[in-house]
């Protein structure tokens, strides 16, 4: 009961700007940490409670204490984004904020991929192929970001796979023309990527702008972009009608005879 009561006080303090409510919330959250062994809710941990406490301190115009709590309870970088916000917005420490926000951005790129690919799989299982396509198209837009279409990046290698999965969804819908076009777009993009000089492959825009050293290279999808597509089609063709035949037709159009 202690934690829900603390949440009510936090809500009261946020909506009514009632400082005493935030102070009472902090007291209750401290007590909740003492009782954490009684917790049976997997979404609540001491880290999540301390994060709520830090937000209460922010509402009390005490960003220094909030920052201290967030840094102390930052397992696996869970509070990187909030730490960066406090450093940049409240404490005007641009250099410190940049370090934490950069880490948060890298985690976000990985997490949003897992989320949307996960949702696409959920919709595949429910045979809602239109929703699966929407998830993957949205993911393509977000991960490419502000990158000009005419620039090659490491993401192009992964985007080929996303387009192939979209083709699978179109096949399951019975939309053969769209499936063929998606496969063709994927293969043309893969050929371009494989044929490019390494110097032509640009860093992804946000990674470059944020000066992040480590960006995904998507190297786990086969020895080349084309081979990654070929392996994916071979793996899924048994369960997806027309997929292999469409691939064979597109490959004859796009690839040199000796590569088909």
C-alpha atoms as a PDB file:
ATOM      1  CA  UNK A   1       0.000   0.000   0.000  1.00  0.00           C
ATOM      2  CA  UNK A   2       2.919   2.359   0.649  1.00  0.00           C
ATOM      3  CA  UNK A   3       3.992   2.593  -2.981  1.00  0.00           C
ATOM      4  CA  UNK A   4       0.489   3.300  -4.434  1.00  0.00           C
ATOM      5  CA  UNK A   5      -0.002   5.997  -1.795  1.00  0.00           C
ATOM      6  CA  UNK A   6       3.300   7.559  -2.821  1.00  0.00           C
ATOM      7  CA  UNK A   7       2.097   7.553  -6.428  1.00  0.00           C
ATOM      8  CA  UNK A   8      -1.048   9.416  -5.405  1.00  0.00           C
ATOM      9  CA  UNK A   9       1.001  12.077  -3.665  1.00  0.00           C
ATOM     10  CA  UNK A  10       3.262  12.379  -6.701  1.00  0.00           C
ATOM     11  CA  UNK A  11       0.232  12.865  -8.904  1.00  0.00           C
ATOM     12  CA  UNK A  12      -1.141  15.470  -6.548  1.00  0.00           C
ATOM     13  CA  UNK A  13       2.163  17.311  -6.493  1.00  0.00           C
ATOM     14  CA  UNK A  14       2.427  17.273 -10.260  1.00  0.00           C
ATOM     15  CA  UNK A  15      -1.092  18.465 -10.992  1.00  0.00           C
ATOM     16  CA  UNK A  16      -1.558  20.951  -8.178  1.00  0.00           C
ATOM     17  CA  UNK A  17       2.072  22.032  -7.790  1.00  0.00           C
ATOM     18  CA  UNK A  18       1.713  21.114  -4.144  1.00  0.00           C
ATOM     19  CA  UNK A  19       5.219  20.988  -2.670  1.00  0.00           C
ATOM     20  CA  UNK A  20       4.087  19.248   0.509  1.00  0.00           C
ATOM     21  CA  UNK A  21       2.630  16.444  -1.569  1.00  0.00           C
ATOM     22  CA  UNK A  22       6.008  15.851  -3.194  1.00  0.00           C
ATOM     23  CA  UNK A  23       7.736  15.846   0.185  1.00  0.00           C
ATOM     24  CA  UNK A  24       5.241  13.309   1.491  1.00  0.00           C
ATOM     25  CA  UNK A  25       5.739  11.206  -1.646  1.00  0.00           C
ATOM     26  CA  UNK A  26       9.486  11.122  -1.004  1.00  0.00           C
ATOM     27  CA  UNK A  27       8.903   9.915   2.564  1.00  0.00           C
ATOM     28  CA  UNK A  28       6.602   7.158   1.366  1.00  0.00           C
ATOM     29  CA  UNK A  29       8.996   6.128  -1.404  1.00  0.00           C
ATOM     30  CA  UNK A  30      11.810   5.849   1.149  1.00  0.00           C
ATOM     31  CA  UNK A  31       9.570   3.592   3.209  1.00  0.00           C
ATOM     32  CA  UNK A  32       8.688   1.553   0.104  1.00  0.00           C
ATOM     33  CA  UNK A  33      12.392   0.878  -0.432  1.00  0.00           C
ATOM     34  CA  UNK A  34      12.600  -0.443   3.117  1.00  0.00           C
ATOM     35  CA  UNK A  35       9.714  -2.809   2.351  1.00  0.00           C
ATOM     36  CA  UNK A  36      10.947  -3.886  -1.096  1.00  0.00           C
ATOM     37  CA  UNK A  37      11.200  -7.550   0.003  1.00  0.00           C
ATOM     38  CA  UNK A  38       7.395  -7.595   0.198  1.00  0.00           C
ATOM     39  CA  UNK A  39       7.038  -6.508  -3.419  1.00  0.00           C
ATOM     40  CA  UNK A  40       5.431  -8.989  -5.836  1.00  0.00           C
ATOM     41  CA  UNK A  41       5.041  -6.642  -8.808  1.00  0.00           C
ATOM     42  CA  UNK A  42       7.749  -7.366 -11.388  1.00  0.00           C
ATOM     43  CA  UNK A  43       7.446  -3.828 -12.793  1.00  0.00           C
ATOM     44  CA  UNK A  44       8.576  -2.302  -9.484  1.00  0.00           C
ATOM     45  CA  UNK A  45      12.107  -2.423  -8.083  1.00  0.00           C
ATOM     46  CA  UNK A  46      14.223  -0.221  -5.866  1.00  0.00           C
ATOM     47  CA  UNK A  47      15.639   1.373  -9.004  1.00  0.00           C
ATOM     48  CA  UNK A  48      12.171   2.326 -10.270  1.00  0.00           C
ATOM     49  CA  UNK A  49      11.197   3.652  -6.829  1.00  0.00           C
ATOM     50  CA  UNK A  50      14.364   5.745  -6.598  1.00  0.00           C
ATOM     51  CA  UNK A  51      13.661   7.124 -10.068  1.00  0.00           C
ATOM     52  CA  UNK A  52      10.231   8.266  -8.905  1.00  0.00           C
ATOM     53  CA  UNK A  53      11.893   9.840  -5.896  1.00  0.00           C
ATOM     54  CA  UNK A  54      14.293  11.734  -8.170  1.00  0.00           C
ATOM     55  CA  UNK A  55      11.350  13.106 -10.137  1.00  0.00           C
ATOM     56  CA  UNK A  56       9.812  14.360  -6.916  1.00  0.00           C
ATOM     57  CA  UNK A  57      13.027  16.200  -6.113  1.00  0.00           C
ATOM     58  CA  UNK A  58      12.935  17.763  -9.573  1.00  0.00           C
ATOM     59  CA  UNK A  59       9.418  18.995  -8.832  1.00  0.00           C
ATOM     60  CA  UNK A  60      10.850  20.539  -5.648  1.00  0.00           C
ATOM     61  CA  UNK A  61      13.489  22.389  -7.699  1.00  0.00           C
ATOM     62  CA  UNK A  62      16.286  20.257  -6.297  1.00  0.00           C
ATOM     63  CA  UNK A  63      17.981  18.864  -9.415  1.00  0.00           C
ATOM     64  CA  UNK A  64      21.278  18.191  -7.620  1.00  0.00           C
ATOM     65  CA  UNK A  65      19.680  15.651  -5.292  1.00  0.00           C
ATOM     66  CA  UNK A  66      17.685  14.187  -8.167  1.00  0.00           C
ATOM     67  CA  UNK A  67      20.863  13.763 -10.198  1.00  0.00           C
ATOM     68  CA  UNK A  68      22.689  12.106  -7.320  1.00  0.00           C
ATOM     69  CA  UNK A  69      19.883   9.560  -6.920  1.00  0.00           C
ATOM     70  CA  UNK A  70      19.634   8.863 -10.644  1.00  0.00           C
ATOM     71  CA  UNK A  71      23.377   8.281 -11.014  1.00  0.00           C
ATOM     72  CA  UNK A  72      23.503   6.007  -7.984  1.00  0.00           C
ATOM     73  CA  UNK A  73      20.617   3.894  -9.296  1.00  0.00           C
ATOM     74  CA  UNK A  74      21.451   3.671 -12.986  1.00  0.00           C
ATOM     75  CA  UNK A  75      21.773  -0.070 -13.489  1.00  0.00           C
ATOM     76  CA  UNK A  76      22.330  -0.953 -17.166  1.00  0.00           C
ATOM     77  CA  UNK A  77      21.938   2.746 -18.050  1.00  0.00           C
ATOM     78  CA  UNK A  78      18.212   2.706 -17.290  1.00  0.00           C
ATOM     79  CA  UNK A  79      18.287   6.389 -16.284  1.00  0.00           C
ATOM     80  CA  UNK A  80      20.702   7.681 -18.925  1.00  0.00           C
ATOM     81  CA  UNK A  81      18.069   9.714 -20.758  1.00  0.00           C
ATOM     82  CA  UNK A  82      16.721  11.294 -17.571  1.00  0.00           C
ATOM     83  CA  UNK A  83      20.233  12.025 -16.282  1.00  0.00           C
ATOM     84  CA  UNK A  84      21.072  13.692 -19.574  1.00  0.00           C
ATOM     85  CA  UNK A  85      17.893  15.758 -19.395  1.00  0.00           C
ATOM     86  CA  UNK A  86      18.655  16.904 -15.845  1.00  0.00           C
ATOM     87  CA  UNK A  87      22.231  17.800 -16.733  1.00  0.00           C
ATOM     88  CA  UNK A  88      21.238  19.669 -19.877  1.00  0.00           C
ATOM     89  CA  UNK A  89      17.925  21.265 -18.927  1.00  0.00           C
ATOM     90  CA  UNK A  90      18.220  21.899 -15.200  1.00  0.00           C
ATOM     91  CA  UNK A  91      21.981  22.191 -14.618  1.00  0.00           C
ATOM     92  CA  UNK A  92      23.075  23.512 -18.036  1.00  0.00           C
ATOM     93  CA  UNK A  93      25.979  21.072 -18.228  1.00  0.00           C
ATOM     94  CA  UNK A  94      26.107  20.442 -21.966  1.00  0.00           C
ATOM     95  CA  UNK A  95      29.212  18.220 -21.955  1.00  0.00           C
ATOM     96  CA  UNK A  96      27.916  15.995 -19.173  1.00  0.00           C
ATOM     97  CA  UNK A  97      24.471  15.791 -20.745  1.00  0.00           C
ATOM     98  CA  UNK A  98      25.928  14.813 -24.113  1.00  0.00           C
ATOM     99  CA  UNK A  99      27.666  11.749 -22.666  1.00  0.00           C
ATOM    100  CA  UNK A 100      24.514  10.350 -21.084  1.00  0.00           C
ATOM    101  CA  UNK A 101      22.198  11.315 -23.940  1.00  0.00           C
ATOM    102  CA  UNK A 102      24.538   9.643 -26.428  1.00  0.00           C
ATOM    103  CA  UNK A 103      24.371   6.401 -24.481  1.00  0.00           C
ATOM    104  CA  UNK A 104      20.595   6.744 -24.219  1.00  0.00           C
ATOM    105  CA  UNK A 105      20.282   7.277 -27.971  1.00  0.00           C
ATOM    106  CA  UNK A 106      22.309   4.154 -28.751  1.00  0.00           C
ATOM    107  CA  UNK A 107      20.088   2.114 -26.431  1.00  0.00           C
ATOM    108  CA  UNK A 108      16.969   3.657 -27.939  1.00  0.00           C
ATOM    109  CA  UNK A 109      17.989   2.611 -31.466  1.00  0.00           C
ATOM    110  CA  UNK A 110      18.407  -0.987 -30.309  1.00  0.00           C
ATOM    111  CA  UNK A 111      15.229  -1.001 -28.239  1.00  0.00           C
ATOM    112  CA  UNK A 112      12.966   0.551 -30.863  1.00  0.00           C
ATOM    113  CA  UNK A 113      14.164  -2.082 -33.325  1.00  0.00           C
ATOM    114  CA  UNK A 114      13.356  -4.879 -30.860  1.00  0.00           C
ATOM    115  CA  UNK A 115       9.956  -3.349 -30.090  1.00  0.00           C
ATOM    116  CA  UNK A 116       8.792  -2.889 -33.663  1.00  0.00           C
ATOM    117  CA  UNK A 117      10.168  -6.194 -34.971  1.00  0.00           C
ATOM    118  CA  UNK A 118       8.512  -7.841 -31.970  1.00  0.00           C
ATOM    119  CA  UNK A 119       5.190  -6.187 -32.798  1.00  0.00           C
ATOM    120  CA  UNK A 120       5.562  -7.196 -36.448  1.00  0.00           C
ATOM    121  CA  UNK A 121       5.954 -10.813 -35.341  1.00  0.00           C
ATOM    122  CA  UNK A 122       2.882 -10.499 -33.115  1.00  0.00           C
ATOM    123  CA  UNK A 123       0.844  -9.231 -36.071  1.00  0.00           C
ATOM    124  CA  UNK A 124       2.216 -11.988 -38.329  1.00  0.00           C
ATOM    125  CA  UNK A 125       1.007 -14.566 -35.817  1.00  0.00           C
ATOM    126  CA  UNK A 126      -2.405 -12.889 -35.709  1.00  0.00           C
ATOM    127  CA  UNK A 127      -2.450 -12.730 -39.517  1.00  0.00           C
ATOM    128  CA  UNK A 128      -2.791  -8.956 -39.417  1.00  0.00           C
ATOM    129  CA  UNK A 129      -0.270  -8.491 -42.204  1.00  0.00           C
ATOM    130  CA  UNK A 130      -1.185  -4.868 -42.883  1.00  0.00           C
ATOM    131  CA  UNK A 131      -0.264  -3.929 -39.316  1.00  0.00           C
ATOM    132  CA  UNK A 132       3.006  -5.887 -39.615  1.00  0.00           C
ATOM    133  CA  UNK A 133       3.891  -3.913 -42.747  1.00  0.00           C
ATOM    134  CA  UNK A 134       3.070  -0.641 -40.977  1.00  0.00           C
ATOM    135  CA  UNK A 135       5.390  -1.565 -38.085  1.00  0.00           C
ATOM    136  CA  UNK A 136       8.297  -2.318 -40.391  1.00  0.00           C
ATOM    137  CA  UNK A 137       7.758   0.758 -42.565  1.00  0.00           C
ATOM    138  CA  UNK A 138       7.656   2.943 -39.464  1.00  0.00           C
ATOM    139  CA  UNK A 139      10.869   1.317 -38.214  1.00  0.00           C
ATOM    140  CA  UNK A 140      12.591   2.016 -41.535  1.00  0.00           C
ATOM    141  CA  UNK A 141      11.608   5.681 -41.302  1.00  0.00           C
ATOM    142  CA  UNK A 142      12.808   6.077 -37.718  1.00  0.00           C
ATOM    143  CA  UNK A 143      16.139   4.285 -38.083  1.00  0.00           C
ATOM    144  CA  UNK A 144      17.056   6.019 -41.321  1.00  0.00           C
ATOM    145  CA  UNK A 145      16.134   9.335 -39.726  1.00  0.00           C
ATOM    146  CA  UNK A 146      17.396  12.410 -41.545  1.00  0.00           C
ATOM    147  CA  UNK A 147      19.826  10.480 -43.738  1.00  0.00           C
ATOM    148  CA  UNK A 148      19.560  11.528 -47.416  1.00  0.00           C
ATOM    149  CA  UNK A 149      18.207   8.713 -49.566  1.00  0.00           C
ATOM    150  CA  UNK A 150      21.167   8.900 -51.947  1.00  0.00           C
ATOM    151  CA  UNK A 151      23.705   8.180 -49.190  1.00  0.00           C
ATOM    152  CA  UNK A 152      24.715   4.639 -48.321  1.00  0.00           C
ATOM    153  CA  UNK A 153      24.989   3.767 -44.626  1.00  0.00           C
ATOM    154  CA  UNK A 154      25.360   0.598 -42.631  1.00  0.00           C
ATOM    155  CA  UNK A 155      21.602   0.735 -42.162  1.00  0.00           C
ATOM    156  CA  UNK A 156      21.117   0.024 -45.887  1.00  0.00           C
ATOM    157  CA  UNK A 157      22.323  -3.503 -45.238  1.00  0.00           C
ATOM    158  CA  UNK A 158      19.644  -4.040 -42.595  1.00  0.00           C
ATOM    159  CA  UNK A 159      16.956  -2.158 -44.511  1.00  0.00           C
ATOM    160  CA  UNK A 160      17.198  -4.801 -47.235  1.00  0.00           C
ATOM    161  CA  UNK A 161      16.145  -7.413 -44.686  1.00  0.00           C
ATOM    162  CA  UNK A 162      13.255  -5.245 -43.476  1.00  0.00           C
ATOM    163  CA  UNK A 163      12.030  -4.864 -47.060  1.00  0.00           C
ATOM    164  CA  UNK A 164      12.251  -8.612 -47.574  1.00  0.00           C
ATOM    165  CA  UNK A 165      10.114  -9.188 -44.462  1.00  0.00           C
ATOM    166  CA  UNK A 166       7.622  -6.658 -45.827  1.00  0.00           C
ATOM    167  CA  UNK A 167       7.553  -8.732 -49.015  1.00  0.00           C
ATOM    168  CA  UNK A 168       6.721 -11.779 -46.900  1.00  0.00           C
ATOM    169  CA  UNK A 169       3.746  -9.935 -45.424  1.00  0.00           C
ATOM    170  CA  UNK A 170       2.540  -8.927 -48.880  1.00  0.00           C
ATOM    171  CA  UNK A 171       2.818 -12.557 -49.983  1.00  0.00           C
ATOM    172  CA  UNK A 172       0.693 -13.650 -47.052  1.00  0.00           C
ATOM    173  CA  UNK A 173      -1.878 -11.019 -48.044  1.00  0.00           C
ATOM    174  CA  UNK A 174      -1.896 -12.385 -51.589  1.00  0.00           C
ATOM    175  CA  UNK A 175      -0.591  -9.050 -52.868  1.00  0.00           C
ATOM    176  CA  UNK A 176       1.879 -10.486 -55.368  1.00  0.00           C
ATOM    177  CA  UNK A 177       2.717  -7.249 -57.174  1.00  0.00           C
ATOM    178  CA  UNK A 178       3.651  -5.405 -53.973  1.00  0.00           C
ATOM    179  CA  UNK A 179       5.625  -8.408 -52.752  1.00  0.00           C
ATOM    180  CA  UNK A 180       7.601  -8.527 -56.000  1.00  0.00           C
ATOM    181  CA  UNK A 181       8.300  -4.792 -55.827  1.00  0.00           C
ATOM    182  CA  UNK A 182       9.507  -5.011 -52.218  1.00  0.00           C
ATOM    183  CA  UNK A 183      11.794  -7.919 -53.072  1.00  0.00           C
ATOM    184  CA  UNK A 184      13.136  -6.038 -56.083  1.00  0.00           C
ATOM    185  CA  UNK A 185      13.773  -2.895 -54.041  1.00  0.00           C
ATOM    186  CA  UNK A 186      15.542  -4.973 -51.407  1.00  0.00           C
ATOM    187  CA  UNK A 187      17.756  -6.719 -53.925  1.00  0.00           C
ATOM    188  CA  UNK A 188      18.656  -3.544 -55.831  1.00  0.00           C
ATOM    189  CA  UNK A 189      19.617  -1.919 -52.539  1.00  0.00           C
ATOM    190  CA  UNK A 190      21.658  -4.975 -51.514  1.00  0.00           C
ATOM    191  CA  UNK A 191      23.547  -5.046 -54.813  1.00  0.00           C
ATOM    192  CA  UNK A 192      24.332  -1.356 -54.475  1.00  0.00           C
ATOM    193  CA  UNK A 193      25.579  -1.835 -50.925  1.00  0.00           C
ATOM    194  CA  UNK A 194      27.762  -4.851 -51.772  1.00  0.00           C
ATOM    195  CA  UNK A 195      29.245  -3.085 -54.795  1.00  0.00           C
ATOM    196  CA  UNK A 196      30.114   0.123 -52.981  1.00  0.00           C
ATOM    197  CA  UNK A 197      33.606   1.121 -51.989  1.00  0.00           C
ATOM    198  CA  UNK A 198      33.908   1.090 -48.164  1.00  0.00           C
ATOM    199  CA  UNK A 199      34.583   4.819 -48.297  1.00  0.00           C
ATOM    200  CA  UNK A 200      31.133   5.356 -49.804  1.00  0.00           C
ATOM    201  CA  UNK A 201      29.367   3.937 -46.745  1.00  0.00           C
ATOM    202  CA  UNK A 202      28.605   6.949 -44.563  1.00  0.00           C
ATOM    203  CA  UNK A 203      28.004   6.953 -40.809  1.00  0.00           C
ATOM    204  CA  UNK A 204      24.321   7.102 -39.934  1.00  0.00           C
ATOM    205  CA  UNK A 205      23.333  10.730 -39.590  1.00  0.00           C
ATOM    206  CA  UNK A 206      22.440  10.942 -35.918  1.00  0.00           C
ATOM    207  CA  UNK A 207      25.463   8.893 -34.915  1.00  0.00           C
ATOM    208  CA  UNK A 208      27.648  11.294 -36.850  1.00  0.00           C
ATOM    209  CA  UNK A 209      25.978  14.433 -35.489  1.00  0.00           C
ATOM    210  CA  UNK A 210      26.152  13.143 -31.917  1.00  0.00           C
ATOM    211  CA  UNK A 211      29.747  11.957 -32.445  1.00  0.00           C
ATOM    212  CA  UNK A 212      28.921   8.463 -31.210  1.00  0.00           C
ATOM    213  CA  UNK A 213      31.794   6.058 -31.749  1.00  0.00           C
ATOM    214  CA  UNK A 214      29.830   2.831 -31.808  1.00  0.00           C
ATOM    215  CA  UNK A 215      27.055   2.405 -34.336  1.00  0.00           C
ATOM    216  CA  UNK A 216      25.505  -0.850 -35.525  1.00  0.00           C
ATOM    217  CA  UNK A 217      27.017  -2.367 -38.664  1.00  0.00           C
ATOM    218  CA  UNK A 218      24.351  -5.078 -39.052  1.00  0.00           C
ATOM    219  CA  UNK A 219      27.013  -7.601 -39.972  1.00  0.00           C
ATOM    220  CA  UNK A 220      25.122 -10.582 -38.575  1.00  0.00           C
ATOM    221  CA  UNK A 221      22.850 -11.057 -41.587  1.00  0.00           C
ATOM    222  CA  UNK A 222      25.220 -12.981 -43.841  1.00  0.00           C
ATOM    223  CA  UNK A 223      28.595 -12.405 -45.495  1.00  0.00           C
ATOM    224  CA  UNK A 224      27.031  -9.847 -47.850  1.00  0.00           C
ATOM    225  CA  UNK A 225      23.752  -7.980 -48.185  1.00  0.00           C
ATOM    226  CA  UNK A 226      22.678 -10.101 -51.165  1.00  0.00           C
ATOM    227  CA  UNK A 227      23.579 -13.338 -49.421  1.00  0.00           C
ATOM    228  CA  UNK A 228      21.658 -12.194 -46.345  1.00  0.00           C
ATOM    229  CA  UNK A 229      18.548 -11.769 -48.480  1.00  0.00           C
ATOM    230  CA  UNK A 230      19.060 -15.121 -50.186  1.00  0.00           C
ATOM    231  CA  UNK A 231      19.384 -16.879 -46.823  1.00  0.00           C
ATOM    232  CA  UNK A 232      16.289 -15.173 -45.455  1.00  0.00           C
ATOM    233  CA  UNK A 233      14.180 -16.154 -48.469  1.00  0.00           C
ATOM    234  CA  UNK A 234      15.410 -19.761 -48.335  1.00  0.00           C
ATOM    235  CA  UNK A 235      14.594 -19.936 -44.610  1.00  0.00           C
ATOM    236  CA  UNK A 236      11.046 -18.569 -44.969  1.00  0.00           C
ATOM    237  CA  UNK A 237      10.002 -19.854 -48.400  1.00  0.00           C
ATOM    238  CA  UNK A 238       8.638 -23.138 -47.066  1.00  0.00           C
ATOM    239  CA  UNK A 239       6.026 -21.343 -44.985  1.00  0.00           C
ATOM    240  CA  UNK A 240       5.239 -18.452 -47.330  1.00  0.00           C
ATOM    241  CA  UNK A 241       3.556 -19.183 -50.666  1.00  0.00           C
ATOM    242  CA  UNK A 242       5.122 -17.708 -53.819  1.00  0.00           C
ATOM    243  CA  UNK A 243       8.097 -16.184 -51.959  1.00  0.00           C
ATOM    244  CA  UNK A 244      10.798 -18.348 -53.546  1.00  0.00           C
ATOM    245  CA  UNK A 245       9.301 -18.056 -57.025  1.00  0.00           C
ATOM    246  CA  UNK A 246       9.094 -14.272 -56.726  1.00  0.00           C
ATOM    247  CA  UNK A 247      12.685 -14.141 -55.511  1.00  0.00           C
ATOM    248  CA  UNK A 248      13.898 -16.284 -58.393  1.00  0.00           C
ATOM    249  CA  UNK A 249      12.161 -14.003 -60.878  1.00  0.00           C
ATOM    250  CA  UNK A 250      13.532 -10.819 -59.322  1.00  0.00           C
ATOM    251  CA  UNK A 251      17.034 -12.295 -59.051  1.00  0.00           C
ATOM    252  CA  UNK A 252      17.073 -13.048 -62.782  1.00  0.00           C
ATOM    253  CA  UNK A 253      16.214  -9.406 -63.483  1.00  0.00           C
ATOM    254  CA  UNK A 254      18.629  -7.792 -61.050  1.00  0.00           C
ATOM    255  CA  UNK A 255      21.625 -10.101 -60.616  1.00  0.00           C
ATOM    256  CA  UNK A 256      24.186 -11.105 -63.231  1.00  0.00           C
ATOM    257  CA  UNK A 257      23.520 -14.588 -64.603  1.00  0.00           C
ATOM    258  CA  UNK A 258      26.451 -16.097 -62.770  1.00  0.00           C
ATOM    259  CA  UNK A 259      25.217 -14.749 -59.403  1.00  0.00           C
ATOM    260  CA  UNK A 260      21.633 -16.046 -59.601  1.00  0.00           C
END
